[in-house]
N, C-alpha and C. Protein backbone atom coordinates (compact mmCIF):
# COMPACT_ATOMS: atom_id res chain seq x y z
N MET A 1 -91.43 -17.93 -78.31
CA MET A 1 -90.59 -17.33 -79.33
C MET A 1 -90.48 -15.84 -79.05
N SER A 2 -89.31 -15.30 -79.24
CA SER A 2 -89.10 -13.87 -79.00
C SER A 2 -89.62 -13.05 -80.17
N ASP A 3 -89.80 -11.77 -79.92
CA ASP A 3 -90.25 -10.87 -80.99
C ASP A 3 -89.21 -10.81 -82.10
N PRO A 4 -89.66 -10.74 -83.35
CA PRO A 4 -88.69 -10.67 -84.46
C PRO A 4 -87.94 -9.34 -84.44
N GLU A 5 -86.74 -9.39 -84.98
CA GLU A 5 -85.90 -8.21 -85.13
C GLU A 5 -86.09 -7.65 -86.54
N PRO A 6 -86.07 -6.32 -86.69
CA PRO A 6 -86.09 -5.76 -88.05
C PRO A 6 -84.91 -6.32 -88.85
N THR A 7 -85.14 -6.59 -90.11
CA THR A 7 -84.12 -7.19 -90.96
C THR A 7 -84.09 -6.51 -92.31
N ILE A 8 -82.88 -6.23 -92.79
CA ILE A 8 -82.66 -5.74 -94.16
C ILE A 8 -81.89 -6.83 -94.89
N ARG A 9 -82.40 -7.23 -96.01
CA ARG A 9 -81.71 -8.23 -96.82
C ARG A 9 -81.41 -7.61 -98.17
N ARG A 10 -80.18 -7.56 -98.55
CA ARG A 10 -79.77 -6.96 -99.82
C ARG A 10 -80.01 -7.93 -100.98
N GLY A 11 -80.34 -7.35 -102.15
CA GLY A 11 -80.63 -8.16 -103.33
C GLY A 11 -79.54 -9.14 -103.69
N GLU A 12 -78.28 -8.72 -103.50
CA GLU A 12 -77.18 -9.62 -103.87
C GLU A 12 -77.04 -10.79 -102.89
N GLU A 13 -77.75 -10.74 -101.77
CA GLU A 13 -77.71 -11.85 -100.81
C GLU A 13 -78.68 -12.97 -101.17
N VAL A 14 -79.62 -12.69 -102.05
CA VAL A 14 -80.66 -13.67 -102.41
C VAL A 14 -80.08 -14.68 -103.40
N GLU A 15 -80.21 -15.95 -103.04
CA GLU A 15 -79.76 -17.01 -103.93
C GLU A 15 -80.97 -17.58 -104.66
N TYR A 16 -80.85 -17.69 -105.98
CA TYR A 16 -81.92 -18.23 -106.80
C TYR A 16 -81.61 -19.68 -107.14
N GLU A 17 -82.67 -20.48 -107.17
CA GLU A 17 -82.51 -21.89 -107.51
C GLU A 17 -83.54 -22.27 -108.57
N THR A 18 -83.19 -23.25 -109.37
CA THR A 18 -84.10 -23.78 -110.37
C THR A 18 -85.18 -24.60 -109.67
N VAL A 19 -86.41 -24.44 -110.11
CA VAL A 19 -87.51 -25.23 -109.56
C VAL A 19 -87.63 -26.49 -110.42
N ASP A 20 -87.43 -27.64 -109.79
CA ASP A 20 -87.35 -28.91 -110.53
C ASP A 20 -88.60 -29.24 -111.34
N ALA A 21 -89.77 -28.85 -110.85
CA ALA A 21 -91.02 -29.26 -111.50
C ALA A 21 -91.28 -28.53 -112.81
N ALA A 22 -90.49 -27.47 -113.11
CA ALA A 22 -90.78 -26.68 -114.31
C ALA A 22 -89.49 -26.16 -114.94
N ASP A 23 -89.33 -26.39 -116.24
CA ASP A 23 -88.19 -25.84 -116.96
C ASP A 23 -88.36 -24.34 -117.10
N GLY A 24 -87.33 -23.58 -116.76
CA GLY A 24 -87.36 -22.13 -116.95
C GLY A 24 -87.92 -21.35 -115.78
N LEU A 25 -88.20 -22.01 -114.65
CA LEU A 25 -88.71 -21.32 -113.46
C LEU A 25 -87.61 -21.31 -112.40
N ARG A 26 -87.34 -20.09 -111.86
CA ARG A 26 -86.34 -19.94 -110.80
C ARG A 26 -86.97 -19.22 -109.62
N LYS A 27 -86.49 -19.56 -108.41
CA LYS A 27 -87.06 -19.00 -107.18
C LYS A 27 -85.97 -18.49 -106.26
N GLY A 28 -86.21 -17.32 -105.67
CA GLY A 28 -85.35 -16.79 -104.62
C GLY A 28 -86.22 -16.35 -103.45
N VAL A 29 -85.84 -16.76 -102.24
CA VAL A 29 -86.58 -16.34 -101.04
C VAL A 29 -86.00 -15.00 -100.60
N LEU A 30 -86.82 -13.95 -100.68
CA LEU A 30 -86.36 -12.60 -100.33
C LEU A 30 -86.31 -12.42 -98.82
N ILE A 31 -87.37 -12.82 -98.15
CA ILE A 31 -87.47 -12.79 -96.68
C ILE A 31 -88.30 -13.99 -96.27
N GLY A 32 -87.87 -14.69 -95.25
CA GLY A 32 -88.63 -15.85 -94.81
C GLY A 32 -88.31 -16.21 -93.38
N GLU A 33 -88.72 -17.39 -93.02
CA GLU A 33 -88.55 -17.89 -91.65
C GLU A 33 -87.09 -17.86 -91.21
N ASP A 34 -86.17 -18.22 -92.11
CA ASP A 34 -84.74 -18.23 -91.78
C ASP A 34 -84.21 -16.83 -91.47
N ASP A 35 -84.93 -15.81 -91.90
CA ASP A 35 -84.53 -14.42 -91.65
C ASP A 35 -85.24 -13.84 -90.44
N GLY A 36 -86.03 -14.66 -89.75
CA GLY A 36 -86.74 -14.20 -88.56
C GLY A 36 -88.16 -13.76 -88.81
N ALA A 37 -88.67 -13.89 -90.04
CA ALA A 37 -90.05 -13.51 -90.33
C ALA A 37 -90.97 -14.57 -89.73
N PRO A 38 -91.83 -14.21 -88.77
CA PRO A 38 -92.59 -15.22 -88.05
C PRO A 38 -93.81 -15.78 -88.79
N ASN A 39 -94.35 -15.04 -89.75
CA ASN A 39 -95.62 -15.46 -90.33
C ASN A 39 -95.61 -15.75 -91.82
N PHE A 40 -94.86 -14.97 -92.60
CA PHE A 40 -94.92 -15.07 -94.05
C PHE A 40 -93.53 -15.10 -94.67
N ALA A 41 -93.45 -15.69 -95.87
CA ALA A 41 -92.26 -15.64 -96.69
C ALA A 41 -92.62 -14.88 -97.97
N VAL A 42 -91.70 -14.04 -98.43
CA VAL A 42 -91.85 -13.35 -99.71
C VAL A 42 -90.79 -13.91 -100.64
N ARG A 43 -91.25 -14.41 -101.78
CA ARG A 43 -90.35 -15.05 -102.73
C ARG A 43 -90.45 -14.32 -104.07
N ARG A 44 -89.37 -14.37 -104.84
CA ARG A 44 -89.37 -13.80 -106.19
C ARG A 44 -89.12 -14.93 -107.17
N PHE A 45 -90.01 -15.04 -108.15
CA PHE A 45 -89.88 -16.06 -109.19
C PHE A 45 -89.59 -15.40 -110.52
N THR A 46 -88.81 -16.06 -111.36
CA THR A 46 -88.63 -15.63 -112.75
C THR A 46 -89.10 -16.77 -113.65
N LEU A 47 -89.76 -16.39 -114.74
CA LEU A 47 -90.33 -17.34 -115.68
C LEU A 47 -89.75 -17.02 -117.06
N ALA A 48 -88.84 -17.85 -117.53
CA ALA A 48 -88.15 -17.62 -118.80
C ALA A 48 -89.12 -17.70 -119.97
N PRO A 49 -88.79 -17.02 -121.09
CA PRO A 49 -89.63 -17.18 -122.30
C PRO A 49 -89.75 -18.66 -122.66
N GLY A 50 -90.97 -19.09 -122.96
CA GLY A 50 -91.21 -20.49 -123.32
C GLY A 50 -91.42 -21.41 -122.13
N ALA A 51 -91.22 -20.93 -120.91
CA ALA A 51 -91.35 -21.77 -119.73
C ALA A 51 -92.81 -22.11 -119.44
N GLU A 52 -93.01 -23.29 -118.90
CA GLU A 52 -94.35 -23.72 -118.47
C GLU A 52 -94.23 -24.38 -117.11
N VAL A 53 -95.14 -24.03 -116.23
CA VAL A 53 -95.24 -24.66 -114.91
C VAL A 53 -96.48 -25.54 -114.96
N PRO A 54 -96.35 -26.84 -114.69
CA PRO A 54 -97.50 -27.74 -114.85
C PRO A 54 -98.62 -27.46 -113.83
N LYS A 55 -99.80 -27.99 -114.14
CA LYS A 55 -100.94 -27.85 -113.22
C LYS A 55 -100.57 -28.47 -111.87
N HIS A 56 -100.90 -27.73 -110.82
CA HIS A 56 -100.61 -28.21 -109.48
C HIS A 56 -101.50 -27.51 -108.46
N THR A 57 -101.49 -28.03 -107.25
CA THR A 57 -102.16 -27.38 -106.13
C THR A 57 -101.14 -27.19 -105.02
N ASN A 58 -101.42 -26.24 -104.15
CA ASN A 58 -100.61 -26.00 -102.95
C ASN A 58 -101.52 -26.06 -101.74
N ALA A 59 -100.99 -26.48 -100.62
CA ALA A 59 -101.77 -26.56 -99.39
C ALA A 59 -102.01 -25.19 -98.78
N VAL A 60 -101.24 -24.18 -99.22
CA VAL A 60 -101.37 -22.83 -98.67
C VAL A 60 -101.74 -21.84 -99.77
N GLU A 61 -102.34 -20.72 -99.37
CA GLU A 61 -102.69 -19.66 -100.31
C GLU A 61 -101.43 -18.99 -100.85
N HIS A 62 -101.57 -18.32 -102.00
CA HIS A 62 -100.49 -17.54 -102.61
C HIS A 62 -101.04 -16.17 -102.98
N GLU A 63 -100.35 -15.12 -102.59
CA GLU A 63 -100.65 -13.78 -103.09
C GLU A 63 -99.48 -13.39 -103.97
N GLN A 64 -99.76 -12.98 -105.20
CA GLN A 64 -98.70 -12.70 -106.16
C GLN A 64 -98.85 -11.31 -106.74
N TYR A 65 -97.69 -10.71 -107.07
CA TYR A 65 -97.65 -9.40 -107.71
C TYR A 65 -96.68 -9.51 -108.89
N VAL A 66 -97.17 -9.20 -110.09
CA VAL A 66 -96.36 -9.32 -111.30
C VAL A 66 -95.42 -8.11 -111.38
N LEU A 67 -94.12 -8.41 -111.42
CA LEU A 67 -93.09 -7.37 -111.47
C LEU A 67 -92.71 -6.98 -112.90
N ALA A 68 -92.63 -7.97 -113.78
CA ALA A 68 -92.12 -7.71 -115.13
C ALA A 68 -92.69 -8.73 -116.11
N GLY A 69 -92.72 -8.33 -117.36
CA GLY A 69 -93.16 -9.22 -118.42
C GLY A 69 -94.65 -9.45 -118.40
N GLY A 70 -95.06 -10.41 -119.20
CA GLY A 70 -96.45 -10.83 -119.26
C GLY A 70 -96.47 -12.32 -119.50
N TYR A 71 -97.46 -13.00 -118.93
CA TYR A 71 -97.55 -14.44 -119.08
C TYR A 71 -98.99 -14.87 -118.78
N THR A 72 -99.26 -16.14 -118.97
CA THR A 72 -100.59 -16.69 -118.74
C THR A 72 -100.60 -17.41 -117.40
N VAL A 73 -101.65 -17.15 -116.62
CA VAL A 73 -101.88 -17.89 -115.38
C VAL A 73 -103.18 -18.66 -115.57
N GLY A 74 -103.11 -19.95 -115.39
CA GLY A 74 -104.31 -20.77 -115.40
C GLY A 74 -104.77 -20.97 -113.97
N ILE A 75 -106.04 -20.69 -113.71
CA ILE A 75 -106.62 -20.91 -112.39
C ILE A 75 -107.91 -21.68 -112.61
N GLY A 76 -107.95 -22.90 -112.10
CA GLY A 76 -109.10 -23.77 -112.37
C GLY A 76 -109.16 -24.03 -113.87
N ASP A 77 -110.32 -23.75 -114.47
CA ASP A 77 -110.50 -23.98 -115.91
C ASP A 77 -110.33 -22.71 -116.74
N GLU A 78 -109.91 -21.61 -116.11
CA GLU A 78 -109.79 -20.33 -116.82
C GLU A 78 -108.33 -19.92 -117.00
N GLU A 79 -108.07 -19.23 -118.12
CA GLU A 79 -106.75 -18.66 -118.38
C GLU A 79 -106.83 -17.15 -118.26
N HIS A 80 -105.80 -16.56 -117.65
CA HIS A 80 -105.76 -15.11 -117.46
C HIS A 80 -104.40 -14.59 -117.94
N GLU A 81 -104.41 -13.57 -118.78
CA GLU A 81 -103.17 -12.91 -119.18
C GLU A 81 -102.85 -11.86 -118.13
N VAL A 82 -101.65 -11.91 -117.57
CA VAL A 82 -101.24 -10.94 -116.56
C VAL A 82 -99.99 -10.22 -117.04
N GLU A 83 -99.79 -9.02 -116.50
CA GLU A 83 -98.61 -8.22 -116.86
C GLU A 83 -98.20 -7.39 -115.65
N SER A 84 -97.08 -6.73 -115.79
CA SER A 84 -96.51 -5.92 -114.71
C SER A 84 -97.58 -5.04 -114.06
N GLY A 85 -97.65 -5.09 -112.73
CA GLY A 85 -98.61 -4.30 -111.98
C GLY A 85 -99.86 -5.06 -111.59
N ASP A 86 -100.08 -6.25 -112.16
CA ASP A 86 -101.25 -7.06 -111.82
C ASP A 86 -100.99 -7.86 -110.54
N SER A 87 -102.07 -8.20 -109.84
CA SER A 87 -101.99 -9.03 -108.64
C SER A 87 -102.87 -10.26 -108.81
N VAL A 88 -102.49 -11.34 -108.16
CA VAL A 88 -103.19 -12.62 -108.29
C VAL A 88 -103.33 -13.24 -106.90
N LEU A 89 -104.51 -13.76 -106.60
CA LEU A 89 -104.72 -14.58 -105.41
C LEU A 89 -105.04 -15.99 -105.85
N VAL A 90 -104.25 -16.95 -105.36
CA VAL A 90 -104.52 -18.36 -105.61
C VAL A 90 -104.85 -18.98 -104.25
N PRO A 91 -106.14 -19.25 -103.99
CA PRO A 91 -106.52 -19.85 -102.70
C PRO A 91 -105.90 -21.24 -102.53
N ALA A 92 -105.70 -21.64 -101.30
CA ALA A 92 -105.17 -22.98 -100.99
C ALA A 92 -106.02 -24.04 -101.68
N GLY A 93 -105.36 -25.05 -102.26
CA GLY A 93 -106.05 -26.16 -102.88
C GLY A 93 -106.55 -25.91 -104.29
N THR A 94 -106.33 -24.71 -104.84
CA THR A 94 -106.82 -24.36 -106.17
C THR A 94 -105.84 -24.84 -107.25
N VAL A 95 -106.34 -25.50 -108.27
CA VAL A 95 -105.50 -25.93 -109.39
C VAL A 95 -105.03 -24.68 -110.14
N HIS A 96 -103.72 -24.58 -110.39
CA HIS A 96 -103.19 -23.44 -111.14
C HIS A 96 -101.92 -23.85 -111.87
N TRP A 97 -101.53 -23.03 -112.86
CA TRP A 97 -100.36 -23.28 -113.70
C TRP A 97 -99.94 -21.98 -114.37
N TYR A 98 -98.76 -21.98 -115.00
CA TYR A 98 -98.22 -20.77 -115.64
C TYR A 98 -97.62 -21.14 -117.00
N ARG A 99 -97.67 -20.17 -117.93
CA ARG A 99 -97.02 -20.35 -119.23
C ARG A 99 -96.54 -18.98 -119.71
N ASN A 100 -95.27 -18.90 -120.07
CA ASN A 100 -94.74 -17.66 -120.63
C ASN A 100 -94.56 -17.87 -122.13
N GLY A 101 -95.54 -17.42 -122.92
CA GLY A 101 -95.48 -17.56 -124.37
C GLY A 101 -94.83 -16.36 -125.03
N GLY A 102 -94.36 -15.40 -124.23
CA GLY A 102 -93.75 -14.19 -124.77
C GLY A 102 -92.27 -14.34 -125.02
N GLU A 103 -91.65 -13.22 -125.38
CA GLU A 103 -90.23 -13.21 -125.70
C GLU A 103 -89.38 -12.60 -124.60
N GLU A 104 -90.02 -12.13 -123.51
CA GLU A 104 -89.24 -11.59 -122.40
C GLU A 104 -89.55 -12.34 -121.11
N GLU A 105 -88.59 -12.30 -120.21
CA GLU A 105 -88.74 -12.98 -118.93
C GLU A 105 -89.87 -12.36 -118.11
N GLY A 106 -90.65 -13.19 -117.46
CA GLY A 106 -91.65 -12.73 -116.51
C GLY A 106 -91.08 -12.84 -115.11
N ALA A 107 -91.53 -11.98 -114.22
CA ALA A 107 -91.09 -12.04 -112.83
C ALA A 107 -92.25 -11.66 -111.93
N PHE A 108 -92.36 -12.36 -110.79
CA PHE A 108 -93.42 -12.02 -109.85
C PHE A 108 -92.97 -12.28 -108.42
N LEU A 109 -93.56 -11.51 -107.50
CA LEU A 109 -93.41 -11.74 -106.08
C LEU A 109 -94.52 -12.68 -105.65
N CYS A 110 -94.23 -13.52 -104.68
CA CYS A 110 -95.23 -14.44 -104.16
C CYS A 110 -95.08 -14.49 -102.64
N ALA A 111 -96.15 -14.15 -101.93
CA ALA A 111 -96.17 -14.22 -100.47
C ALA A 111 -96.96 -15.46 -100.06
N VAL A 112 -96.39 -16.22 -99.12
CA VAL A 112 -97.06 -17.41 -98.61
C VAL A 112 -96.87 -17.48 -97.10
N PRO A 113 -97.80 -18.13 -96.42
CA PRO A 113 -97.61 -18.34 -94.98
C PRO A 113 -96.43 -19.28 -94.74
N ASN A 114 -95.71 -19.07 -93.66
CA ASN A 114 -94.63 -19.99 -93.28
C ASN A 114 -95.22 -21.34 -92.91
N GLY A 115 -94.38 -22.35 -92.95
CA GLY A 115 -94.80 -23.70 -92.58
C GLY A 115 -94.82 -24.61 -93.79
N ASP A 116 -95.33 -25.78 -93.58
CA ASP A 116 -95.35 -26.79 -94.64
C ASP A 116 -96.32 -26.41 -95.75
N ASP A 117 -95.91 -26.64 -96.98
CA ASP A 117 -96.75 -26.43 -98.15
C ASP A 117 -96.67 -27.65 -99.03
N GLU A 118 -97.66 -28.50 -98.96
CA GLU A 118 -97.68 -29.68 -99.80
C GLU A 118 -98.05 -29.27 -101.22
N ILE A 119 -97.14 -29.54 -102.16
CA ILE A 119 -97.37 -29.26 -103.57
C ILE A 119 -97.73 -30.57 -104.26
N ARG A 120 -98.85 -30.56 -104.97
CA ARG A 120 -99.31 -31.77 -105.65
C ARG A 120 -99.40 -31.49 -107.14
N LEU A 121 -98.55 -32.16 -107.93
CA LEU A 121 -98.60 -32.04 -109.37
C LEU A 121 -99.76 -32.86 -109.90
N LEU A 122 -100.44 -32.31 -110.92
CA LEU A 122 -101.57 -33.02 -111.53
C LEU A 122 -101.18 -33.48 -112.93
N ASP A 123 -101.88 -34.48 -113.43
CA ASP A 123 -101.59 -35.00 -114.78
C ASP A 123 -101.97 -33.99 -115.84
């Protein structure tokens, strides 16, 4: 594989899609493999007021940075209130979930390694 080229991606170029597993969750890939990034993808998620993401695991780690709003992140058996400026590490295979009980939209960046990510929803 050749060395990656520097890339600028404008905000208006990012397409957001609804995430089927959760009502009120949307995802846009800011930079990823399709843009020539060899190792990581950076994604932006929005979590609407009242939205809940069910308990699940991922095969890959997640590093997250809260951009806006405040919401609850469940990691294992613990709940954590996060807000703009907070960072979260979800190790691979860790049960986690999200709930926005507030009145404003939450938004966060999420960096993940490129490649397959098996997502497993839990009951």
